[in-house]
N, C-alpha and C. Protein backbone atom coordinates (compact mmCIF):
# COMPACT_ATOMS: atom_id res chain seq x y z
N MET A 1 136.02 178.99 99.14
CA MET A 1 136.41 178.75 100.33
C MET A 1 135.06 178.73 101.17
N GLN A 2 133.75 179.05 100.88
CA GLN A 2 132.98 179.04 101.86
C GLN A 2 132.59 177.37 102.04
N ARG A 3 132.94 176.39 101.03
CA ARG A 3 132.38 175.14 101.15
C ARG A 3 133.30 174.73 102.45
N LEU A 4 134.47 175.20 102.62
CA LEU A 4 135.33 174.30 103.55
C LEU A 4 134.81 174.00 104.96
N PRO A 5 134.06 175.38 105.49
CA PRO A 5 133.38 174.85 106.88
C PRO A 5 132.33 173.97 106.90
N TRP A 6 131.67 173.83 105.57
CA TRP A 6 130.62 172.95 105.54
C TRP A 6 131.08 171.54 105.52
N ILE A 7 132.09 171.44 104.80
CA ILE A 7 132.75 169.92 104.80
C ILE A 7 133.40 169.53 106.05
N LEU A 8 133.91 170.79 106.93
CA LEU A 8 134.41 170.56 108.38
C LEU A 8 133.28 170.10 109.11
N LEU A 9 132.29 170.66 109.18
CA LEU A 9 131.00 170.69 110.02
C LEU A 9 130.65 169.39 109.74
N SER A 10 130.30 168.69 108.53
CA SER A 10 129.92 167.56 107.87
C SER A 10 130.60 166.28 108.53
N ALA A 11 131.76 166.62 108.51
CA ALA A 11 133.05 165.54 109.13
C ALA A 11 132.65 165.57 110.55
N LEU A 12 132.62 166.58 111.18
CA LEU A 12 132.32 166.75 112.92
C LEU A 12 130.97 165.97 113.08
N LEU A 13 129.87 166.06 112.17
CA LEU A 13 128.69 165.62 112.58
C LEU A 13 128.74 164.16 112.33
N VAL A 14 129.70 163.68 111.15
CA VAL A 14 129.82 161.96 111.24
C VAL A 14 130.47 161.64 112.23
N CYS A 15 131.68 162.14 112.56
CA CYS A 15 132.50 161.66 113.96
C CYS A 15 131.68 161.76 115.08
N THR A 16 130.84 162.71 115.51
CA THR A 16 129.97 162.76 116.57
C THR A 16 128.95 161.95 116.66
N TRP A 17 128.27 161.23 115.54
CA TRP A 17 127.43 160.42 115.30
C TRP A 17 128.04 159.20 115.75
N GLY A 18 129.15 158.84 114.88
CA GLY A 18 129.65 157.37 115.17
C GLY A 18 130.18 157.12 116.74
N PHE A 19 130.36 158.30 117.23
CA PHE A 19 130.79 158.23 118.69
C PHE A 19 129.54 157.90 119.61
N GLN A 20 128.69 158.44 119.19
CA GLN A 20 127.38 158.10 119.97
C GLN A 20 126.90 156.80 119.87
N GLN A 21 126.91 156.32 118.41
CA GLN A 21 126.57 154.96 118.22
C GLN A 21 127.52 154.14 118.99
N GLU A 22 128.76 154.31 119.09
CA GLU A 22 129.49 153.35 120.00
C GLU A 22 129.21 153.20 121.37
N GLN A 23 128.92 154.48 121.90
CA GLN A 23 128.73 154.68 123.30
C GLN A 23 127.45 153.74 123.57
N LYS A 24 126.27 153.90 122.67
CA LYS A 24 125.05 153.36 122.37
C LYS A 24 125.60 151.84 122.64
N SER A 25 126.12 151.21 121.61
CA SER A 25 126.21 149.91 121.43
C SER A 25 127.10 149.56 123.02
N GLU A 26 128.02 150.18 123.24
CA GLU A 26 128.69 149.61 124.79
C GLU A 26 127.58 149.88 125.87
N GLY A 27 126.87 150.61 126.00
CA GLY A 27 125.56 150.52 127.21
C GLY A 27 124.74 149.40 126.85
N GLU A 28 124.24 148.93 125.66
CA GLU A 28 123.74 147.80 125.04
C GLU A 28 124.54 146.70 125.77
N PHE A 29 125.38 146.72 125.04
CA PHE A 29 126.32 145.33 125.57
C PHE A 29 126.45 145.23 127.09
N ARG A 30 126.73 146.19 127.81
CA ARG A 30 126.77 146.01 129.29
C ARG A 30 125.46 145.72 129.80
N LYS A 31 124.44 146.09 129.40
CA LYS A 31 123.18 145.87 129.79
C LYS A 31 122.79 144.14 129.44
N LEU A 32 123.04 144.01 128.26
CA LEU A 32 122.91 142.51 127.81
C LEU A 32 123.81 141.35 128.71
N ALA A 33 125.32 141.93 128.73
CA ALA A 33 126.25 140.89 129.51
C ALA A 33 125.92 140.78 130.85
N ALA A 34 125.30 141.79 131.39
CA ALA A 34 124.98 141.50 132.93
C ALA A 34 123.71 140.33 133.00
N ASP A 35 123.05 140.26 131.98
CA ASP A 35 121.72 139.46 132.06
C ASP A 35 121.99 138.02 132.59
N LYS A 36 120.99 137.29 133.10
CA LYS A 36 121.32 135.84 133.86
C LYS A 36 121.30 135.13 132.77
N ASP A 37 120.60 135.51 131.75
CA ASP A 37 120.23 134.36 130.49
C ASP A 37 121.40 134.48 129.87
N PRO A 38 122.14 133.15 129.57
CA PRO A 38 123.12 132.88 128.63
C PRO A 38 122.86 133.49 126.97
N ALA A 39 121.83 133.22 126.76
CA ALA A 39 121.28 133.65 125.30
C ALA A 39 121.43 135.29 125.28
N ARG A 40 120.89 135.81 126.26
CA ARG A 40 120.98 137.45 126.25
C ARG A 40 122.66 137.87 126.17
N ARG A 41 123.41 136.82 126.83
CA ARG A 41 124.93 137.56 127.07
C ARG A 41 125.50 137.23 125.74
N ILE A 42 125.24 136.01 125.08
CA ILE A 42 125.78 135.67 123.74
C ILE A 42 125.22 136.85 122.87
N LYS A 43 124.06 137.21 123.19
CA LYS A 43 123.40 138.31 122.19
C LYS A 43 124.41 139.66 122.39
N ALA A 44 124.98 139.89 123.46
CA ALA A 44 125.95 140.94 124.00
C ALA A 44 127.00 141.13 122.81
N ILE A 45 127.60 139.85 122.76
CA ILE A 45 128.74 139.61 121.93
C ILE A 45 128.53 139.81 120.42
N GLU A 46 127.18 139.29 120.18
CA GLU A 46 126.98 139.50 118.74
C GLU A 46 126.75 140.90 118.54
N LEU A 47 126.43 141.77 119.46
CA LEU A 47 126.11 143.15 119.07
C LEU A 47 127.36 144.18 118.97
N VAL A 48 128.41 143.56 119.37
CA VAL A 48 129.65 144.37 119.30
C VAL A 48 130.78 143.74 118.26
N GLU A 49 130.91 142.44 117.98
CA GLU A 49 131.79 141.34 117.49
C GLU A 49 132.10 142.14 115.88
N ASP A 50 131.19 142.47 115.22
CA ASP A 50 131.61 143.16 113.95
C ASP A 50 132.20 144.35 114.16
N GLU A 51 132.12 145.24 115.01
CA GLU A 51 132.92 146.35 115.23
C GLU A 51 134.43 146.21 114.80
N LYS A 52 135.11 145.06 115.31
CA LYS A 52 136.35 144.76 115.31
C LYS A 52 137.34 145.79 115.66
N ASN A 53 137.36 146.35 116.89
CA ASN A 53 138.27 147.34 117.20
C ASN A 53 138.63 146.85 118.58
N LEU A 54 139.64 147.77 119.20
CA LEU A 54 139.98 147.38 120.51
C LEU A 54 139.09 147.41 121.65
N GLY A 55 138.25 148.45 121.54
CA GLY A 55 137.41 148.67 122.40
C GLY A 55 136.26 147.41 122.43
N SER A 56 135.71 147.20 121.31
CA SER A 56 134.82 145.97 121.47
C SER A 56 135.57 144.62 121.71
N SER A 57 136.77 144.58 121.49
CA SER A 57 137.40 143.20 121.82
C SER A 57 137.66 143.21 123.27
N GLN A 58 137.75 144.16 124.02
CA GLN A 58 137.86 144.47 125.46
C GLN A 58 136.65 144.09 126.03
N LEU A 59 135.65 144.56 125.48
CA LEU A 59 134.20 144.33 126.00
C LEU A 59 133.65 142.78 125.96
N ILE A 60 134.26 142.07 124.64
CA ILE A 60 133.89 140.77 124.87
C ILE A 60 134.81 139.77 125.50
N ALA A 61 136.15 140.52 125.91
CA ALA A 61 137.07 139.66 126.75
C ALA A 61 136.32 139.76 128.02
N THR A 62 135.49 140.68 128.41
CA THR A 62 134.95 140.30 129.73
C THR A 62 134.06 139.34 129.98
N LEU A 63 133.70 138.75 129.19
CA LEU A 63 133.08 137.36 129.12
C LEU A 63 133.78 136.12 128.73
N LEU A 64 134.93 136.19 128.90
CA LEU A 64 135.88 134.89 129.04
C LEU A 64 135.64 134.28 130.17
N ALA A 65 135.30 135.04 131.08
CA ALA A 65 135.18 134.28 132.44
C ALA A 65 133.68 134.13 132.56
N ASP A 66 132.83 133.96 131.65
CA ASP A 66 131.37 133.63 132.10
C ASP A 66 131.31 132.28 132.53
N PRO A 67 130.52 132.16 133.49
CA PRO A 67 130.21 130.89 134.09
C PRO A 67 129.52 129.71 133.04
N HIS A 68 129.09 130.32 132.01
CA HIS A 68 128.35 129.34 130.88
C HIS A 68 129.38 129.02 129.96
N PRO A 69 129.20 127.63 129.56
CA PRO A 69 130.77 127.46 128.44
C PRO A 69 130.05 127.86 127.14
N ARG A 70 128.82 127.89 126.93
CA ARG A 70 128.47 128.47 125.25
C ARG A 70 128.87 130.02 125.12
N VAL A 71 128.94 130.90 126.49
CA VAL A 71 128.95 132.22 126.44
C VAL A 71 130.72 132.17 126.11
N ARG A 72 131.34 131.52 126.90
CA ARG A 72 132.74 131.64 126.93
C ARG A 72 133.20 131.16 125.35
N TYR A 73 132.62 130.18 124.72
CA TYR A 73 133.08 129.46 123.51
C TYR A 73 132.77 130.74 122.61
N ARG A 74 131.60 131.43 122.73
CA ARG A 74 131.15 132.43 121.57
C ARG A 74 132.12 133.87 121.81
N ALA A 75 132.58 134.08 122.85
CA ALA A 75 133.43 134.96 123.19
C ALA A 75 134.71 134.73 122.48
N VAL A 76 135.24 133.55 122.71
CA VAL A 76 136.44 133.24 122.19
C VAL A 76 136.49 133.07 120.56
N LYS A 77 135.31 132.88 119.91
CA LYS A 77 135.10 132.50 118.76
C LYS A 77 135.15 134.26 118.10
N ALA A 78 134.42 135.12 118.64
CA ALA A 78 134.39 136.55 118.39
C ALA A 78 135.62 137.16 118.46
N LEU A 79 136.53 136.70 119.37
CA LEU A 79 137.82 137.58 119.56
C LEU A 79 138.77 136.75 118.55
N ALA A 80 138.42 135.52 118.09
CA ALA A 80 139.63 134.85 117.21
C ALA A 80 139.28 135.74 115.62
N LYS A 81 138.19 136.43 115.53
CA LYS A 81 137.90 136.97 114.30
C LYS A 81 138.28 138.16 114.01
N ALA A 82 138.95 138.87 115.33
CA ALA A 82 139.56 140.17 115.55
C ALA A 82 140.78 140.17 114.39
N ARG A 83 140.82 141.25 113.53
CA ARG A 83 141.91 141.05 112.88
C ARG A 83 142.98 142.54 112.81
N ASP A 84 142.14 143.66 113.64
CA ASP A 84 143.00 144.60 113.72
C ASP A 84 144.23 144.76 114.58
N ALA A 85 145.19 145.49 114.04
CA ALA A 85 146.68 145.43 114.77
C ALA A 85 146.35 145.68 116.25
N GLU A 86 145.60 146.49 116.72
CA GLU A 86 145.45 147.00 117.95
C GLU A 86 145.05 145.89 119.01
N THR A 87 144.12 145.17 118.39
CA THR A 87 143.77 143.79 119.34
C THR A 87 144.45 142.93 119.21
N ILE A 88 145.35 142.65 118.15
CA ILE A 88 146.32 141.77 118.10
C ILE A 88 147.36 141.79 119.01
N ALA A 89 147.79 143.15 119.18
CA ALA A 89 148.94 143.49 120.25
C ALA A 89 148.36 143.57 121.58
N TRP A 90 147.28 143.83 121.81
CA TRP A 90 146.43 143.74 122.97
C TRP A 90 146.73 142.44 123.58
N PHE A 91 146.52 141.41 122.72
CA PHE A 91 146.41 139.85 123.37
C PHE A 91 148.07 139.50 123.53
């Protein structure tokens, strides 16, 4: 029974670390997405597109209105790859 608290603690640490990583990537996304250089805005999409969850899809969707056509194209392409149920329902 003494192992149970360690298992719970380990699970909590893993979840906390994952949450911090998501916040870090969201902050980095917002920083890159606000850049004047279209290549950096595309880099922002590439940063979060592999996460494939509703939050990352919503971040990418903000760049659908980007003035540069390559950024808009890359955002559409990234959103088309999203296959999770939440994102599909959101669209």
